[in-house]
Amino acid sequence: MTATPSYEPKIDVLFPAIGQAIPRDHGYSLYSAICHIVASVHGSKGIGIFPIRGSSAGNRLLHLTDRSAVRLRLPASVLSAVLPLAGKVIELEGHRVRLGVPNVAALVPAATLSSPIVIIKLAHASAETKVTPESFQAAAEKQLAEKKIVGQLVLQLSSSGDRAGKPRRRVIRVREQTHAGYAVIVQGLTVEESIQLQEEGLGGRRLMGCGLFLPVRE
């Protein structure tokens, strides 16, 4: 009889990101840069790489701040494999970033979680223009139901610009292709559901910063 694999919790590893500015859309270039240093990250289904946070610099750039970090979510057993990233310099479309000494953090449950971008491949919709808020929300709610998560999914709204008050639509570039999604909030989660959603994510492209959730502080 084959033994059932034991459950392994995930953790977050944060490498301070030290530099000036980076492209706002850097998910694919960050993934590629990490894979050049840690080849085992390539194609991994158990690892997520968060977008680097920063302040808007205009011209599709982000200014790095003293809180900017490369954040990886991974099984605890994989921690040693990514430690060689510490002290390395990576390049994101010509912008150099040095990675500092990492901190390790456990996942913290919260009733409300948010993700800056979730991408779900919709059936019969290959072009990004066909991804509407209604079709996206229906697909996202279906995935939550399949996970047996009962929380309420809400699309975040844009607060300014021409799309103020409308669902916050986001697009990432992967080589020559673009993939569209939306910023998402999931509310009313139990402790177990919150940890599950943080560990499993939603949709695809988690190695490129999509479908990864963090707690919303009340």
N, C-alpha and C. Protein backbone atom coordinates (compact mmCIF):
# COMPACT_ATOMS: atom_id res chain seq x y z
N MET A 1 0.86 -1.20 0.00
CA MET A 1 0.00 0.00 0.00
C MET A 1 0.89 1.24 0.00
N THR A 2 0.56 2.20 -0.87
CA THR A 2 1.34 3.44 -0.95
C THR A 2 0.92 4.40 0.14
N ALA A 3 1.89 4.93 0.86
CA ALA A 3 1.58 5.87 1.95
C ALA A 3 1.08 7.19 1.38
N THR A 4 0.13 7.79 2.07
CA THR A 4 -0.37 9.10 1.67
C THR A 4 0.65 10.17 2.04
N PRO A 5 1.04 11.04 1.06
CA PRO A 5 2.03 12.07 1.37
C PRO A 5 1.56 12.95 2.52
N SER A 6 2.46 13.24 3.44
CA SER A 6 2.10 14.08 4.58
C SER A 6 1.99 15.54 4.14
N TYR A 7 1.12 16.25 4.81
CA TYR A 7 0.91 17.68 4.52
C TYR A 7 2.13 18.48 4.96
N GLU A 8 2.57 19.39 4.09
CA GLU A 8 3.71 20.23 4.44
C GLU A 8 3.30 21.70 4.33
N PRO A 9 3.36 22.43 5.42
CA PRO A 9 2.95 23.84 5.37
C PRO A 9 3.91 24.68 4.53
N LYS A 10 3.38 25.79 4.05
CA LYS A 10 4.21 26.72 3.30
C LYS A 10 4.62 27.91 4.17
N ILE A 11 5.70 28.53 3.77
CA ILE A 11 6.22 29.70 4.46
C ILE A 11 6.54 30.77 3.42
N ASP A 12 6.76 31.99 3.89
CA ASP A 12 7.21 33.07 3.03
C ASP A 12 8.66 33.39 3.34
N VAL A 13 9.45 33.59 2.29
CA VAL A 13 10.84 34.00 2.43
C VAL A 13 10.99 35.35 1.73
N LEU A 14 11.46 36.35 2.47
CA LEU A 14 11.53 37.71 1.93
C LEU A 14 12.98 38.17 1.86
N PHE A 15 13.43 38.46 0.63
CA PHE A 15 14.76 39.01 0.39
C PHE A 15 14.62 40.51 0.15
N PRO A 16 15.18 41.37 1.01
CA PRO A 16 15.11 42.81 0.74
C PRO A 16 15.60 43.12 -0.67
N ALA A 17 14.85 43.98 -1.38
CA ALA A 17 15.20 44.36 -2.75
C ALA A 17 15.79 45.76 -2.72
N ILE A 18 17.07 45.86 -3.05
CA ILE A 18 17.80 47.11 -2.92
C ILE A 18 18.17 47.63 -4.31
N GLY A 19 17.70 48.84 -4.63
CA GLY A 19 17.97 49.42 -5.94
C GLY A 19 17.21 50.72 -6.09
N GLN A 20 17.07 51.17 -7.32
CA GLN A 20 16.41 52.45 -7.58
C GLN A 20 14.97 52.26 -8.05
N ALA A 21 14.82 51.71 -9.24
CA ALA A 21 13.49 51.54 -9.82
C ALA A 21 13.45 50.25 -10.62
N ILE A 22 12.23 49.73 -10.83
CA ILE A 22 12.02 48.52 -11.60
C ILE A 22 10.78 48.70 -12.47
N PRO A 23 10.62 47.91 -13.53
CA PRO A 23 9.39 48.00 -14.32
C PRO A 23 8.18 47.59 -13.47
N ARG A 24 7.06 48.26 -13.68
CA ARG A 24 5.85 47.90 -12.96
C ARG A 24 5.43 46.46 -13.29
N ASP A 25 5.51 46.09 -14.55
CA ASP A 25 5.19 44.73 -14.98
C ASP A 25 6.50 43.95 -15.05
N HIS A 26 6.85 43.28 -13.96
CA HIS A 26 8.15 42.60 -13.88
C HIS A 26 8.03 41.12 -13.52
N GLY A 27 6.81 40.58 -13.55
CA GLY A 27 6.61 39.21 -13.09
C GLY A 27 7.44 38.19 -13.85
N TYR A 28 7.43 38.27 -15.18
CA TYR A 28 8.16 37.28 -15.97
C TYR A 28 9.66 37.48 -15.86
N SER A 29 10.12 38.73 -15.88
CA SER A 29 11.57 38.97 -15.80
C SER A 29 12.11 38.59 -14.42
N LEU A 30 11.31 38.77 -13.36
CA LEU A 30 11.76 38.37 -12.02
C LEU A 30 11.85 36.84 -11.94
N TYR A 31 10.86 36.17 -12.45
CA TYR A 31 10.88 34.70 -12.50
C TYR A 31 12.12 34.20 -13.25
N SER A 32 12.39 34.78 -14.41
CA SER A 32 13.54 34.36 -15.21
C SER A 32 14.85 34.60 -14.47
N ALA A 33 14.97 35.76 -13.81
CA ALA A 33 16.19 36.09 -13.09
C ALA A 33 16.43 35.13 -11.94
N ILE A 34 15.37 34.76 -11.23
CA ILE A 34 15.51 33.81 -10.11
C ILE A 34 15.91 32.44 -10.63
N CYS A 35 15.32 32.02 -11.75
CA CYS A 35 15.64 30.70 -12.31
C CYS A 35 17.09 30.61 -12.75
N HIS A 36 17.69 31.73 -13.15
CA HIS A 36 19.10 31.71 -13.54
C HIS A 36 20.00 31.40 -12.35
N ILE A 37 19.54 31.74 -11.16
CA ILE A 37 20.34 31.49 -9.95
C ILE A 37 19.94 30.17 -9.30
N VAL A 38 18.63 29.90 -9.22
CA VAL A 38 18.12 28.67 -8.61
C VAL A 38 17.31 27.93 -9.67
N ALA A 39 17.97 27.04 -10.40
CA ALA A 39 17.34 26.38 -11.55
C ALA A 39 16.13 25.55 -11.15
N SER A 40 16.09 25.05 -9.91
CA SER A 40 14.99 24.19 -9.49
C SER A 40 13.66 24.93 -9.38
N VAL A 41 13.69 26.26 -9.39
CA VAL A 41 12.46 27.04 -9.34
C VAL A 41 11.69 26.91 -10.65
N HIS A 42 12.40 26.68 -11.74
CA HIS A 42 11.78 26.64 -13.07
C HIS A 42 10.67 25.59 -13.12
N GLY A 43 9.47 26.05 -13.44
CA GLY A 43 8.34 25.15 -13.60
C GLY A 43 7.78 24.56 -12.32
N SER A 44 8.28 25.00 -11.17
CA SER A 44 7.80 24.42 -9.91
C SER A 44 6.34 24.77 -9.67
N LYS A 45 5.55 23.77 -9.30
CA LYS A 45 4.14 23.99 -9.02
C LYS A 45 3.89 24.36 -7.56
N GLY A 46 4.91 24.25 -6.72
CA GLY A 46 4.72 24.51 -5.30
C GLY A 46 5.25 25.85 -4.83
N ILE A 47 5.80 26.65 -5.76
CA ILE A 47 6.42 27.92 -5.40
C ILE A 47 5.66 29.07 -6.04
N GLY A 48 5.50 30.16 -5.30
CA GLY A 48 4.94 31.38 -5.84
C GLY A 48 5.92 32.52 -5.63
N ILE A 49 5.98 33.44 -6.59
CA ILE A 49 6.87 34.60 -6.50
C ILE A 49 6.00 35.86 -6.57
N PHE A 50 5.96 36.60 -5.49
CA PHE A 50 5.13 37.80 -5.42
C PHE A 50 5.73 38.94 -6.25
N PRO A 51 4.88 39.84 -6.75
CA PRO A 51 5.41 41.08 -7.34
C PRO A 51 6.14 41.89 -6.27
N ILE A 52 7.18 42.57 -6.67
CA ILE A 52 7.90 43.46 -5.75
C ILE A 52 7.07 44.73 -5.56
N ARG A 53 6.89 45.12 -4.34
CA ARG A 53 6.14 46.33 -4.07
C ARG A 53 7.05 47.55 -4.08
N GLY A 54 6.47 48.67 -4.49
CA GLY A 54 7.21 49.93 -4.50
C GLY A 54 6.23 51.07 -4.66
N SER A 55 6.75 52.28 -4.81
CA SER A 55 5.89 53.45 -5.02
C SER A 55 5.93 53.85 -6.49
N SER A 56 4.81 54.36 -6.97
CA SER A 56 4.71 54.70 -8.39
C SER A 56 5.73 55.77 -8.77
N ALA A 57 6.44 55.51 -9.88
CA ALA A 57 7.45 56.47 -10.35
C ALA A 57 7.07 57.04 -11.71
N GLY A 58 5.89 56.68 -12.24
CA GLY A 58 5.52 57.12 -13.57
C GLY A 58 6.28 56.34 -14.64
N ASN A 59 5.90 56.52 -15.87
CA ASN A 59 6.59 55.88 -17.00
C ASN A 59 6.67 54.36 -16.81
N ARG A 60 5.62 53.77 -16.21
CA ARG A 60 5.52 52.33 -15.99
C ARG A 60 6.66 51.78 -15.13
N LEU A 61 7.10 52.60 -14.18
CA LEU A 61 8.16 52.19 -13.26
C LEU A 61 7.68 52.26 -11.82
N LEU A 62 8.35 51.50 -10.95
CA LEU A 62 8.14 51.57 -9.51
C LEU A 62 9.45 51.95 -8.85
N HIS A 63 9.39 52.90 -7.90
CA HIS A 63 10.55 53.20 -7.05
C HIS A 63 10.62 52.15 -5.94
N LEU A 64 11.78 51.56 -5.73
CA LEU A 64 11.95 50.66 -4.60
C LEU A 64 12.05 51.47 -3.32
N THR A 65 11.51 50.93 -2.23
CA THR A 65 11.55 51.59 -0.93
C THR A 65 12.26 50.67 0.06
N ASP A 66 12.38 51.13 1.30
CA ASP A 66 13.05 50.29 2.30
C ASP A 66 12.19 49.09 2.71
N ARG A 67 10.96 49.01 2.19
CA ARG A 67 10.10 47.87 2.46
C ARG A 67 9.96 46.94 1.25
N SER A 68 10.61 47.27 0.16
CA SER A 68 10.52 46.44 -1.04
C SER A 68 11.28 45.14 -0.82
N ALA A 69 10.71 44.04 -1.31
CA ALA A 69 11.34 42.73 -1.12
C ALA A 69 10.89 41.78 -2.22
N VAL A 70 11.75 40.82 -2.50
CA VAL A 70 11.37 39.67 -3.32
C VAL A 70 10.82 38.63 -2.37
N ARG A 71 9.53 38.35 -2.50
CA ARG A 71 8.83 37.46 -1.56
C ARG A 71 8.49 36.16 -2.29
N LEU A 72 8.98 35.04 -1.75
CA LEU A 72 8.68 33.73 -2.29
C LEU A 72 7.83 32.96 -1.30
N ARG A 73 6.82 32.28 -1.80
CA ARG A 73 5.99 31.39 -0.96
C ARG A 73 6.29 29.96 -1.39
N LEU A 74 6.71 29.13 -0.43
CA LEU A 74 7.18 27.79 -0.80
C LEU A 74 7.06 26.82 0.37
N PRO A 75 7.12 25.51 0.07
CA PRO A 75 7.15 24.53 1.16
C PRO A 75 8.40 24.72 2.01
N ALA A 76 8.27 24.49 3.31
CA ALA A 76 9.41 24.72 4.22
C ALA A 76 10.64 23.92 3.81
N SER A 77 10.45 22.75 3.22
CA SER A 77 11.59 21.91 2.85
C SER A 77 12.41 22.49 1.71
N VAL A 78 11.87 23.48 1.00
CA VAL A 78 12.55 24.07 -0.15
C VAL A 78 13.40 25.28 0.25
N LEU A 79 13.28 25.71 1.50
CA LEU A 79 13.95 26.92 1.95
C LEU A 79 15.43 26.94 1.60
N SER A 80 16.16 25.86 1.90
CA SER A 80 17.60 25.85 1.68
C SER A 80 17.96 26.03 0.22
N ALA A 81 17.07 25.60 -0.69
CA ALA A 81 17.36 25.68 -2.12
C ALA A 81 17.40 27.12 -2.62
N VAL A 82 16.61 28.03 -1.99
CA VAL A 82 16.55 29.40 -2.49
C VAL A 82 17.47 30.35 -1.75
N LEU A 83 18.13 29.90 -0.69
CA LEU A 83 19.03 30.78 0.07
C LEU A 83 20.17 31.35 -0.76
N PRO A 84 20.64 30.67 -1.83
CA PRO A 84 21.70 31.27 -2.65
C PRO A 84 21.31 32.59 -3.32
N LEU A 85 20.03 32.96 -3.29
CA LEU A 85 19.62 34.26 -3.84
C LEU A 85 20.18 35.41 -3.02
N ALA A 86 20.46 35.19 -1.74
CA ALA A 86 20.94 36.27 -0.86
C ALA A 86 22.25 36.83 -1.39
N GLY A 87 22.31 38.15 -1.49
CA GLY A 87 23.52 38.83 -1.93
C GLY A 87 23.68 38.92 -3.43
N LYS A 88 22.82 38.25 -4.19
CA LYS A 88 22.94 38.28 -5.65
C LYS A 88 22.35 39.56 -6.22
N VAL A 89 22.82 39.93 -7.40
CA VAL A 89 22.26 41.05 -8.16
C VAL A 89 21.48 40.48 -9.33
N ILE A 90 20.23 40.84 -9.44
CA ILE A 90 19.40 40.40 -10.56
C ILE A 90 19.09 41.61 -11.44
N GLU A 91 18.74 41.36 -12.68
CA GLU A 91 18.43 42.43 -13.62
C GLU A 91 17.02 42.24 -14.16
N LEU A 92 16.21 43.28 -14.02
CA LEU A 92 14.83 43.25 -14.49
C LEU A 92 14.69 44.26 -15.62
N GLU A 93 14.81 43.77 -16.84
CA GLU A 93 14.72 44.62 -18.03
C GLU A 93 15.65 45.83 -17.94
N GLY A 94 16.88 45.56 -17.56
CA GLY A 94 17.89 46.61 -17.51
C GLY A 94 18.01 47.32 -16.18
N HIS A 95 17.14 47.01 -15.23
CA HIS A 95 17.18 47.64 -13.90
C HIS A 95 17.77 46.63 -12.91
N ARG A 96 18.84 47.02 -12.25
CA ARG A 96 19.56 46.11 -11.36
C ARG A 96 19.03 46.21 -9.94
N VAL A 97 18.87 45.03 -9.31
CA VAL A 97 18.36 44.95 -7.94
C VAL A 97 19.24 43.97 -7.18
N ARG A 98 19.72 44.40 -6.01
CA ARG A 98 20.51 43.50 -5.16
C ARG A 98 19.60 42.92 -4.08
N LEU A 99 19.74 41.62 -3.84
CA LEU A 99 18.91 40.94 -2.85
C LEU A 99 19.66 40.81 -1.53
N GLY A 100 19.00 41.20 -0.44
CA GLY A 100 19.63 41.18 0.86
C GLY A 100 19.45 39.86 1.59
N VAL A 101 19.78 39.87 2.86
CA VAL A 101 19.66 38.68 3.71
C VAL A 101 18.18 38.42 3.99
N PRO A 102 17.69 37.20 3.76
CA PRO A 102 16.26 36.95 3.84
C PRO A 102 15.72 36.84 5.26
N ASN A 103 14.42 37.12 5.37
CA ASN A 103 13.65 36.84 6.57
C ASN A 103 12.62 35.77 6.23
N VAL A 104 12.30 34.93 7.20
CA VAL A 104 11.33 33.87 7.00
C VAL A 104 10.10 34.17 7.85
N ALA A 105 8.91 34.02 7.25
CA ALA A 105 7.67 34.33 7.97
C ALA A 105 6.65 33.22 7.76
N ALA A 106 5.94 32.88 8.82
CA ALA A 106 4.84 31.92 8.72
C ALA A 106 3.62 32.61 8.10
N LEU A 107 2.75 31.83 7.48
CA LEU A 107 1.51 32.39 6.96
C LEU A 107 0.58 32.70 8.12
N VAL A 108 -0.07 33.85 8.04
CA VAL A 108 -0.95 34.31 9.12
C VAL A 108 -2.38 34.33 8.62
N PRO A 109 -3.29 33.65 9.31
CA PRO A 109 -4.69 33.66 8.85
C PRO A 109 -5.35 35.02 9.05
N ALA A 110 -6.21 35.37 8.13
CA ALA A 110 -6.99 36.61 8.24
C ALA A 110 -8.32 36.37 7.54
N ALA A 111 -9.37 37.02 8.02
CA ALA A 111 -10.70 36.83 7.44
C ALA A 111 -10.79 37.38 6.02
N THR A 112 -9.94 38.36 5.71
CA THR A 112 -9.95 38.98 4.38
C THR A 112 -8.57 38.89 3.76
N LEU A 113 -8.50 38.40 2.53
CA LEU A 113 -7.24 38.30 1.79
C LEU A 113 -7.38 39.05 0.48
N SER A 114 -6.25 39.54 -0.03
CA SER A 114 -6.29 40.23 -1.32
C SER A 114 -5.15 39.76 -2.20
N SER A 115 -5.37 39.84 -3.51
CA SER A 115 -4.34 39.55 -4.50
C SER A 115 -4.36 40.66 -5.55
N PRO A 116 -3.20 41.25 -5.89
CA PRO A 116 -3.18 42.35 -6.86
C PRO A 116 -3.56 41.91 -8.27
N ILE A 117 -3.38 40.62 -8.58
CA ILE A 117 -3.79 40.12 -9.89
C ILE A 117 -4.01 38.62 -9.83
N VAL A 118 -5.18 38.21 -10.31
CA VAL A 118 -5.50 36.79 -10.49
C VAL A 118 -5.81 36.58 -11.96
N ILE A 119 -5.19 35.57 -12.56
CA ILE A 119 -5.42 35.26 -13.97
C ILE A 119 -6.00 33.86 -14.06
N ILE A 120 -7.13 33.76 -14.73
CA ILE A 120 -7.79 32.47 -14.93
C ILE A 120 -8.04 32.30 -16.42
N LYS A 121 -7.58 31.18 -16.96
CA LYS A 121 -7.80 30.89 -18.37
C LYS A 121 -9.23 30.45 -18.54
N LEU A 122 -9.99 31.26 -19.29
CA LEU A 122 -11.41 30.98 -19.47
C LEU A 122 -11.62 30.10 -20.71
N ALA A 123 -12.55 29.17 -20.60
CA ALA A 123 -12.88 28.33 -21.74
C ALA A 123 -13.47 29.19 -22.86
N HIS A 124 -13.07 28.90 -24.08
CA HIS A 124 -13.57 29.58 -25.28
C HIS A 124 -13.19 31.07 -25.30
N ALA A 125 -12.14 31.47 -24.57
CA ALA A 125 -11.72 32.88 -24.59
C ALA A 125 -10.21 32.93 -24.59
N SER A 126 -9.62 33.03 -25.76
CA SER A 126 -8.16 33.08 -25.86
C SER A 126 -7.63 34.49 -25.90
N ALA A 127 -8.42 35.43 -26.34
CA ALA A 127 -7.96 36.83 -26.44
C ALA A 127 -8.27 37.56 -25.14
N GLU A 128 -7.32 38.40 -24.72
CA GLU A 128 -7.49 39.11 -23.45
C GLU A 128 -8.73 40.00 -23.45
N THR A 129 -9.14 40.50 -24.62
CA THR A 129 -10.29 41.39 -24.68
C THR A 129 -11.59 40.67 -24.32
N LYS A 130 -11.59 39.34 -24.34
CA LYS A 130 -12.79 38.58 -24.04
C LYS A 130 -12.95 38.31 -22.54
N VAL A 131 -11.96 38.69 -21.75
CA VAL A 131 -12.04 38.47 -20.30
C VAL A 131 -12.79 39.65 -19.69
N THR A 132 -14.06 39.45 -19.40
CA THR A 132 -14.88 40.50 -18.80
C THR A 132 -14.94 40.31 -17.29
N PRO A 133 -15.28 41.36 -16.55
CA PRO A 133 -15.41 41.19 -15.10
C PRO A 133 -16.40 40.09 -14.73
N GLU A 134 -17.50 39.99 -15.48
CA GLU A 134 -18.53 39.01 -15.17
C GLU A 134 -18.04 37.58 -15.41
N SER A 135 -17.38 37.34 -16.56
CA SER A 135 -16.90 36.00 -16.87
C SER A 135 -15.76 35.61 -15.94
N PHE A 136 -14.90 36.59 -15.60
CA PHE A 136 -13.81 36.31 -14.69
C PHE A 136 -14.33 35.96 -13.31
N GLN A 137 -15.28 36.75 -12.79
CA GLN A 137 -15.77 36.49 -11.44
C GLN A 137 -16.44 35.13 -11.36
N ALA A 138 -17.21 34.76 -12.38
CA ALA A 138 -17.87 33.46 -12.38
C ALA A 138 -16.84 32.33 -12.33
N ALA A 139 -15.75 32.48 -13.10
CA ALA A 139 -14.72 31.44 -13.12
C ALA A 139 -13.97 31.39 -11.80
N ALA A 140 -13.70 32.56 -11.20
CA ALA A 140 -12.99 32.60 -9.92
C ALA A 140 -13.85 32.00 -8.81
N GLU A 141 -15.13 32.31 -8.80
CA GLU A 141 -16.03 31.75 -7.78
C GLU A 141 -16.15 30.24 -7.93
N LYS A 142 -16.11 29.75 -9.17
CA LYS A 142 -16.16 28.31 -9.40
C LYS A 142 -14.92 27.63 -8.81
N GLN A 143 -13.74 28.27 -9.00
CA GLN A 143 -12.52 27.69 -8.43
C GLN A 143 -12.57 27.68 -6.91
N LEU A 144 -13.10 28.73 -6.31
CA LEU A 144 -13.23 28.75 -4.85
C LEU A 144 -14.15 27.63 -4.38
N ALA A 145 -15.26 27.44 -5.10
CA ALA A 145 -16.20 26.38 -4.72
C ALA A 145 -15.56 25.00 -4.83
N GLU A 146 -14.71 24.81 -5.85
CA GLU A 146 -14.02 23.53 -6.01
C GLU A 146 -13.05 23.28 -4.86
N LYS A 147 -12.53 24.36 -4.28
CA LYS A 147 -11.66 24.23 -3.11
C LYS A 147 -12.45 24.12 -1.81
N LYS A 148 -13.78 24.21 -1.93
CA LYS A 148 -14.68 24.18 -0.77
C LYS A 148 -14.42 25.37 0.16
N ILE A 149 -14.09 26.51 -0.45
CA ILE A 149 -13.91 27.76 0.29
C ILE A 149 -15.17 28.60 0.10
N VAL A 150 -15.77 29.02 1.20
CA VAL A 150 -17.08 29.67 1.15
C VAL A 150 -16.99 31.19 1.18
N GLY A 151 -15.79 31.74 1.26
CA GLY A 151 -15.66 33.19 1.34
C GLY A 151 -16.24 33.91 0.13
N GLN A 152 -16.54 35.20 0.32
CA GLN A 152 -17.13 36.02 -0.73
C GLN A 152 -16.02 36.67 -1.55
N LEU A 153 -16.04 36.46 -2.86
CA LEU A 153 -15.04 37.03 -3.76
C LEU A 153 -15.55 38.34 -4.34
N VAL A 154 -14.73 39.38 -4.24
CA VAL A 154 -15.08 40.72 -4.72
C VAL A 154 -13.94 41.22 -5.60
N LEU A 155 -14.27 41.83 -6.73
CA LEU A 155 -13.25 42.46 -7.57
C LEU A 155 -12.93 43.84 -7.01
N GLN A 156 -11.63 44.11 -6.82
CA GLN A 156 -11.23 45.42 -6.33
C GLN A 156 -11.54 46.48 -7.39
N LEU A 157 -11.88 47.68 -6.95
CA LEU A 157 -12.22 48.76 -7.86
C LEU A 157 -11.07 49.75 -7.99
N SER A 158 -10.91 50.30 -9.17
CA SER A 158 -9.91 51.35 -9.38
C SER A 158 -10.35 52.62 -8.65
N SER A 159 -9.40 53.31 -8.04
CA SER A 159 -9.74 54.49 -7.24
C SER A 159 -9.51 55.80 -7.98
N SER A 160 -8.88 55.74 -9.15
CA SER A 160 -8.59 56.98 -9.88
C SER A 160 -8.49 56.69 -11.37
N GLY A 161 -8.36 57.75 -12.14
CA GLY A 161 -8.19 57.60 -13.58
C GLY A 161 -9.50 57.36 -14.30
N ASP A 162 -9.39 57.00 -15.58
CA ASP A 162 -10.58 56.81 -16.41
C ASP A 162 -11.43 55.63 -15.94
N ARG A 163 -10.81 54.68 -15.23
CA ARG A 163 -11.54 53.49 -14.79
C ARG A 163 -11.92 53.55 -13.31
N ALA A 164 -11.93 54.74 -12.75
CA ALA A 164 -12.31 54.89 -11.33
C ALA A 164 -13.70 54.31 -11.10
N GLY A 165 -13.80 53.46 -10.05
CA GLY A 165 -15.07 52.84 -9.72
C GLY A 165 -15.36 51.57 -10.49
N LYS A 166 -14.49 51.20 -11.42
CA LYS A 166 -14.67 49.98 -12.19
C LYS A 166 -13.67 48.92 -11.71
N PRO A 167 -13.95 47.63 -11.96
CA PRO A 167 -13.01 46.59 -11.53
C PRO A 167 -11.59 46.85 -12.03
N ARG A 168 -10.63 46.63 -11.13
CA ARG A 168 -9.23 46.93 -11.43
C ARG A 168 -8.64 45.82 -12.31
N ARG A 169 -8.57 46.08 -13.59
CA ARG A 169 -8.07 45.10 -14.58
C ARG A 169 -6.56 45.23 -14.67
N ARG A 170 -5.87 44.09 -14.67
CA ARG A 170 -4.42 44.08 -14.74
C ARG A 170 -3.98 43.17 -15.88
N VAL A 171 -2.85 43.51 -16.50
CA VAL A 171 -2.32 42.72 -17.61
C VAL A 171 -0.84 42.47 -17.36
N ILE A 172 -0.39 41.23 -17.58
CA ILE A 172 1.03 40.93 -17.51
C ILE A 172 1.50 40.45 -18.88
N ARG A 173 2.79 40.70 -19.16
CA ARG A 173 3.39 40.24 -20.40
C ARG A 173 4.28 39.04 -20.11
N VAL A 174 4.13 37.98 -20.90
CA VAL A 174 4.98 36.81 -20.82
C VAL A 174 5.52 36.58 -22.23
N ARG A 175 6.78 36.90 -22.40
CA ARG A 175 7.39 36.92 -23.74
C ARG A 175 6.58 37.86 -24.63
N GLU A 176 6.01 37.36 -25.72
CA GLU A 176 5.27 38.23 -26.63
C GLU A 176 3.77 38.19 -26.40
N GLN A 177 3.34 37.51 -25.35
CA GLN A 177 1.91 37.38 -25.09
C GLN A 177 1.50 38.22 -23.89
N THR A 178 0.24 38.63 -23.89
CA THR A 178 -0.31 39.33 -22.73
C THR A 178 -1.41 38.49 -22.12
N HIS A 179 -1.55 38.58 -20.79
CA HIS A 179 -2.56 37.82 -20.06
C HIS A 179 -3.27 38.80 -19.13
N ALA A 180 -4.59 38.79 -19.19
CA ALA A 180 -5.38 39.75 -18.42
C ALA A 180 -6.04 39.09 -17.21
N GLY A 181 -6.17 39.86 -16.16
CA GLY A 181 -6.84 39.38 -14.96
C GLY A 181 -7.34 40.56 -14.16
N TYR A 182 -7.71 40.31 -12.91
CA TYR A 182 -8.27 41.35 -12.06
C TYR A 182 -7.71 41.25 -10.65
N ALA A 183 -7.68 42.39 -9.97
CA ALA A 183 -7.33 42.42 -8.56
C ALA A 183 -8.53 41.91 -7.76
N VAL A 184 -8.26 41.06 -6.76
CA VAL A 184 -9.33 40.32 -6.09
C VAL A 184 -9.21 40.44 -4.57
N ILE A 185 -10.37 40.49 -3.92
CA ILE A 185 -10.47 40.38 -2.46
C ILE A 185 -11.40 39.21 -2.16
N VAL A 186 -11.02 38.40 -1.17
CA VAL A 186 -11.90 37.33 -0.69
C VAL A 186 -12.16 37.58 0.79
N GLN A 187 -13.45 37.69 1.15
CA GLN A 187 -13.85 38.07 2.51
C GLN A 187 -14.56 36.92 3.20
N GLY A 188 -14.64 37.03 4.53
CA GLY A 188 -15.43 36.08 5.31
C GLY A 188 -14.82 34.70 5.40
N LEU A 189 -13.51 34.63 5.43
CA LEU A 189 -12.81 33.34 5.47
C LEU A 189 -12.65 32.84 6.90
N THR A 190 -12.76 31.53 7.07
CA THR A 190 -12.39 30.92 8.35
C THR A 190 -10.86 30.84 8.41
N VAL A 191 -10.34 30.49 9.59
CA VAL A 191 -8.89 30.33 9.75
C VAL A 191 -8.37 29.29 8.77
N GLU A 192 -9.06 28.16 8.68
CA GLU A 192 -8.61 27.08 7.80
C GLU A 192 -8.67 27.49 6.33
N GLU A 193 -9.75 28.17 5.93
CA GLU A 193 -9.90 28.62 4.55
C GLU A 193 -8.84 29.65 4.19
N SER A 194 -8.54 30.54 5.12
CA SER A 194 -7.55 31.58 4.87
C SER A 194 -6.18 30.99 4.60
N ILE A 195 -5.76 30.05 5.42
CA ILE A 195 -4.46 29.41 5.21
C ILE A 195 -4.48 28.60 3.92
N GLN A 196 -5.57 27.90 3.65
CA GLN A 196 -5.66 27.11 2.43
C GLN A 196 -5.52 27.99 1.19
N LEU A 197 -6.22 29.13 1.15
CA LEU A 197 -6.17 29.99 -0.01
C LEU A 197 -4.78 30.60 -0.18
N GLN A 198 -4.13 30.94 0.94
CA GLN A 198 -2.77 31.47 0.84
C GLN A 198 -1.80 30.41 0.33
N GLU A 199 -1.98 29.17 0.75
CA GLU A 199 -1.08 28.10 0.32
C GLU A 199 -1.32 27.67 -1.12
N GLU A 200 -2.59 27.62 -1.54
CA GLU A 200 -2.91 27.09 -2.86
C GLU A 200 -3.04 28.16 -3.93
N GLY A 201 -3.40 29.39 -3.52
CA GLY A 201 -3.59 30.44 -4.50
C GLY A 201 -4.84 30.22 -5.34
N LEU A 202 -4.99 31.06 -6.37
CA LEU A 202 -6.16 31.01 -7.23
C LEU A 202 -5.72 31.32 -8.66
N GLY A 203 -6.24 30.54 -9.61
CA GLY A 203 -5.86 30.76 -11.00
C GLY A 203 -4.46 30.24 -11.28
N GLY A 204 -3.82 30.81 -12.30
CA GLY A 204 -2.50 30.34 -12.73
C GLY A 204 -1.42 31.40 -12.64
N ARG A 205 -0.24 31.06 -13.19
CA ARG A 205 0.91 31.98 -13.29
C ARG A 205 1.44 32.43 -11.94
N ARG A 206 1.44 31.54 -10.93
CA ARG A 206 1.90 31.98 -9.61
C ARG A 206 3.41 32.23 -9.57
N LEU A 207 4.16 31.61 -10.47
CA LEU A 207 5.60 31.91 -10.53
C LEU A 207 5.85 33.31 -11.09
N MET A 208 4.84 33.92 -11.65
CA MET A 208 4.97 35.26 -12.22
C MET A 208 4.15 36.28 -11.46
N GLY A 209 3.80 35.94 -10.21
CA GLY A 209 3.19 36.92 -9.33
C GLY A 209 1.68 36.94 -9.30
N CYS A 210 1.03 35.98 -9.94
CA CYS A 210 -0.43 36.00 -10.04
C CYS A 210 -1.08 35.01 -9.07
N GLY A 211 -2.26 35.37 -8.59
CA GLY A 211 -3.05 34.45 -7.77
C GLY A 211 -2.53 34.22 -6.38
N LEU A 212 -1.63 35.07 -5.90
CA LEU A 212 -1.05 34.94 -4.55
C LEU A 212 -1.73 35.94 -3.62
N PHE A 213 -2.05 35.49 -2.41
CA PHE A 213 -2.85 36.29 -1.49
C PHE A 213 -2.08 36.64 -0.22
N LEU A 214 -2.38 37.84 0.28
CA LEU A 214 -1.86 38.30 1.57
C LEU A 214 -3.02 38.85 2.40
N PRO A 215 -2.88 38.82 3.73
CA PRO A 215 -3.95 39.37 4.58
C PRO A 215 -4.18 40.85 4.36
N VAL A 216 -5.43 41.25 4.45
CA VAL A 216 -5.80 42.67 4.46
C VAL A 216 -5.92 43.07 5.93
N ARG A 217 -5.12 44.02 6.33
CA ARG A 217 -5.15 44.45 7.73
C ARG A 217 -6.37 45.32 7.97
N GLU A 218 -7.09 45.01 9.03
CA GLU A 218 -8.29 45.80 9.37
C GLU A 218 -7.87 47.14 9.93
